[in-house]
Amino acid sequence: MLPQRAYVTLRHQPLDLPLPELAPFPPPLSPAPVPIHPHQLWTSLSATMQTQARQTILHILQEIFHDEPSS
């Protein structure tokens, strides 16, 4: 004999969320990023990362220059 299946009806109830105007404090602001010179950024990368970046940039440039405009 096969077991009988019970069908369950799910009820979705809305959640009571606090309204933004009732929040006691505004969310904290993240600190401004520290400006860094591109040369500093480049020299902070490992030799492997620099090589990978060069290859990626070269690949992008080759795609741009070899891409034919669609008419």
N, C-alpha and C. Protein backbone atom coordinates (compact mmCIF):
# COMPACT_ATOMS: atom_id res chain seq x y z
N MET A 1 0.84 -1.18 0.00
CA MET A 1 0.00 0.00 0.00
C MET A 1 0.89 1.25 0.00
N LEU A 2 0.58 2.22 -0.84
CA LEU A 2 1.35 3.44 -0.95
C LEU A 2 0.94 4.44 0.14
N PRO A 3 1.93 5.19 0.67
CA PRO A 3 1.58 6.20 1.67
C PRO A 3 0.82 7.35 1.02
N GLN A 4 -0.07 7.96 1.77
CA GLN A 4 -0.84 9.10 1.27
C GLN A 4 0.00 10.36 1.42
N ARG A 5 -0.18 11.26 0.48
CA ARG A 5 0.56 12.53 0.53
C ARG A 5 -0.30 13.58 1.19
N ALA A 6 0.32 14.33 2.05
CA ALA A 6 -0.39 15.44 2.71
C ALA A 6 0.00 16.73 2.00
N TYR A 7 -0.96 17.53 1.66
CA TYR A 7 -0.72 18.80 1.00
C TYR A 7 -0.77 19.91 2.04
N VAL A 8 0.28 20.74 2.04
CA VAL A 8 0.39 21.82 3.01
C VAL A 8 0.27 23.13 2.26
N THR A 9 -0.55 24.02 2.76
CA THR A 9 -0.69 25.34 2.19
C THR A 9 0.18 26.31 2.97
N LEU A 10 1.10 26.98 2.26
CA LEU A 10 1.99 27.93 2.91
C LEU A 10 1.36 29.31 2.90
N ARG A 11 1.44 29.99 4.00
CA ARG A 11 0.95 31.36 4.07
C ARG A 11 2.15 32.29 4.21
N HIS A 12 2.19 33.31 3.37
CA HIS A 12 3.27 34.29 3.44
C HIS A 12 2.77 35.49 4.21
N GLN A 13 3.47 35.78 5.29
CA GLN A 13 3.09 36.94 6.09
C GLN A 13 4.15 38.01 5.91
N PRO A 14 3.73 39.27 5.72
CA PRO A 14 4.73 40.34 5.57
C PRO A 14 5.49 40.54 6.88
N LEU A 15 6.77 40.89 6.73
CA LEU A 15 7.59 41.15 7.90
C LEU A 15 7.41 42.60 8.35
N ASP A 16 7.43 42.82 9.63
CA ASP A 16 7.37 44.18 10.16
C ASP A 16 8.80 44.72 10.22
N LEU A 17 9.13 45.58 9.26
CA LEU A 17 10.47 46.17 9.20
C LEU A 17 10.41 47.59 9.73
N PRO A 18 11.48 48.03 10.40
CA PRO A 18 11.48 49.43 10.88
C PRO A 18 11.54 50.39 9.70
N LEU A 19 10.86 51.48 9.83
CA LEU A 19 10.87 52.50 8.79
C LEU A 19 12.19 53.27 8.84
N PRO A 20 12.75 53.65 7.70
CA PRO A 20 14.05 54.33 7.70
C PRO A 20 14.02 55.64 8.47
N GLU A 21 12.89 56.34 8.46
CA GLU A 21 12.85 57.62 9.17
C GLU A 21 12.83 57.43 10.69
N LEU A 22 12.57 56.22 11.15
CA LEU A 22 12.56 55.95 12.58
C LEU A 22 13.89 55.43 13.10
N ALA A 23 14.87 55.27 12.21
CA ALA A 23 16.18 54.78 12.65
C ALA A 23 16.82 55.83 13.55
N PRO A 24 17.40 55.43 14.69
CA PRO A 24 17.95 56.41 15.62
C PRO A 24 19.21 57.10 15.11
N PHE A 25 20.04 56.41 14.33
CA PHE A 25 21.29 56.99 13.86
C PHE A 25 21.47 56.66 12.38
N PRO A 26 22.05 57.58 11.61
CA PRO A 26 22.33 57.25 10.21
C PRO A 26 23.45 56.20 10.14
N PRO A 27 23.51 55.44 9.06
CA PRO A 27 24.58 54.45 8.95
C PRO A 27 25.94 55.14 8.92
N PRO A 28 26.96 54.51 9.46
CA PRO A 28 28.28 55.15 9.48
C PRO A 28 28.86 55.27 8.08
N LEU A 29 29.57 56.35 7.84
CA LEU A 29 30.20 56.57 6.55
C LEU A 29 31.54 55.84 6.51
N SER A 30 31.85 55.25 5.37
CA SER A 30 33.15 54.61 5.25
C SER A 30 34.20 55.69 5.02
N PRO A 31 35.42 55.45 5.48
CA PRO A 31 36.45 56.48 5.29
C PRO A 31 36.79 56.64 3.82
N ALA A 32 37.21 57.84 3.48
CA ALA A 32 37.57 58.12 2.09
C ALA A 32 38.81 57.31 1.72
N PRO A 33 38.85 56.79 0.49
CA PRO A 33 40.03 56.01 0.10
C PRO A 33 41.28 56.91 0.04
N VAL A 34 42.39 56.32 0.40
CA VAL A 34 43.64 57.06 0.38
C VAL A 34 44.12 57.13 -1.06
N PRO A 35 44.39 58.33 -1.57
CA PRO A 35 44.86 58.41 -2.96
C PRO A 35 46.24 57.76 -3.10
N ILE A 36 46.42 57.03 -4.17
CA ILE A 36 47.69 56.36 -4.42
C ILE A 36 48.11 56.63 -5.85
N HIS A 37 49.35 56.93 -6.04
CA HIS A 37 49.90 57.20 -7.37
C HIS A 37 49.96 55.89 -8.15
N PRO A 38 49.66 55.90 -9.45
CA PRO A 38 49.70 54.66 -10.24
C PRO A 38 51.03 53.91 -10.13
N HIS A 39 52.13 54.66 -10.06
CA HIS A 39 53.44 54.00 -9.95
C HIS A 39 53.55 53.24 -8.63
N GLN A 40 53.02 53.83 -7.55
CA GLN A 40 53.04 53.14 -6.26
C GLN A 40 52.21 51.86 -6.32
N LEU A 41 51.08 51.94 -6.97
CA LEU A 41 50.23 50.76 -7.11
C LEU A 41 50.94 49.68 -7.91
N TRP A 42 51.55 50.07 -9.03
CA TRP A 42 52.22 49.09 -9.88
C TRP A 42 53.37 48.41 -9.14
N THR A 43 54.16 49.20 -8.42
CA THR A 43 55.31 48.60 -7.72
C THR A 43 54.88 47.78 -6.51
N SER A 44 53.64 47.96 -6.04
CA SER A 44 53.18 47.16 -4.92
C SER A 44 52.75 45.76 -5.36
N LEU A 45 52.60 45.56 -6.68
CA LEU A 45 52.22 44.25 -7.21
C LEU A 45 53.44 43.34 -7.29
N SER A 46 53.20 42.05 -7.12
CA SER A 46 54.29 41.08 -7.27
C SER A 46 54.67 40.99 -8.75
N ALA A 47 55.81 40.39 -9.03
CA ALA A 47 56.27 40.24 -10.41
C ALA A 47 55.26 39.41 -11.21
N THR A 48 54.67 38.40 -10.58
CA THR A 48 53.68 37.57 -11.27
C THR A 48 52.45 38.39 -11.62
N MET A 49 51.98 39.20 -10.67
CA MET A 49 50.79 40.03 -10.93
C MET A 49 51.08 41.07 -12.02
N GLN A 50 52.28 41.64 -12.03
CA GLN A 50 52.64 42.60 -13.07
C GLN A 50 52.63 41.94 -14.44
N THR A 51 53.18 40.72 -14.53
CA THR A 51 53.21 39.99 -15.80
C THR A 51 51.79 39.68 -16.26
N GLN A 52 50.93 39.24 -15.34
CA GLN A 52 49.55 38.94 -15.70
C GLN A 52 48.81 40.20 -16.15
N ALA A 53 49.07 41.31 -15.48
CA ALA A 53 48.43 42.57 -15.86
C ALA A 53 48.88 43.00 -17.25
N ARG A 54 50.19 42.89 -17.52
CA ARG A 54 50.70 43.24 -18.85
C ARG A 54 50.05 42.38 -19.93
N GLN A 55 49.95 41.08 -19.68
CA GLN A 55 49.34 40.18 -20.66
C GLN A 55 47.88 40.52 -20.89
N THR A 56 47.17 40.85 -19.83
CA THR A 56 45.75 41.20 -19.96
C THR A 56 45.59 42.50 -20.74
N ILE A 57 46.40 43.50 -20.43
CA ILE A 57 46.32 44.78 -21.14
C ILE A 57 46.67 44.58 -22.61
N LEU A 58 47.71 43.79 -22.89
CA LEU A 58 48.08 43.52 -24.27
C LEU A 58 46.95 42.81 -25.02
N HIS A 59 46.34 41.86 -24.38
CA HIS A 59 45.22 41.12 -24.99
C HIS A 59 44.05 42.06 -25.31
N ILE A 60 43.74 42.96 -24.39
CA ILE A 60 42.65 43.92 -24.61
C ILE A 60 42.98 44.84 -25.78
N LEU A 61 44.22 45.35 -25.82
CA LEU A 61 44.62 46.24 -26.91
C LEU A 61 44.59 45.52 -28.25
N GLN A 62 45.03 44.26 -28.28
CA GLN A 62 45.00 43.51 -29.53
C GLN A 62 43.55 43.31 -30.00
N GLU A 63 42.65 43.05 -29.09
CA GLU A 63 41.24 42.89 -29.47
C GLU A 63 40.68 44.20 -30.01
N ILE A 64 41.06 45.32 -29.40
CA ILE A 64 40.55 46.61 -29.84
C ILE A 64 41.05 46.93 -31.25
N PHE A 65 42.37 46.74 -31.48
CA PHE A 65 42.95 47.11 -32.77
C PHE A 65 42.60 46.13 -33.89
N HIS A 66 42.32 44.88 -33.55
CA HIS A 66 42.01 43.89 -34.58
C HIS A 66 40.52 43.71 -34.79
N ASP A 67 39.73 44.38 -34.00
CA ASP A 67 38.28 44.26 -34.13
C ASP A 67 37.81 45.13 -35.29
N GLU A 68 37.08 44.51 -36.21
CA GLU A 68 36.57 45.27 -37.35
C GLU A 68 35.25 45.91 -36.98
N PRO A 69 35.05 47.16 -37.37
CA PRO A 69 33.77 47.82 -37.07
C PRO A 69 32.64 47.13 -37.82
N SER A 70 31.54 46.92 -37.13
CA SER A 70 30.39 46.28 -37.77
C SER A 70 29.57 47.33 -38.51
N SER A 71 29.19 46.99 -39.74
CA SER A 71 28.43 47.93 -40.57
C SER A 71 27.04 47.45 -40.77
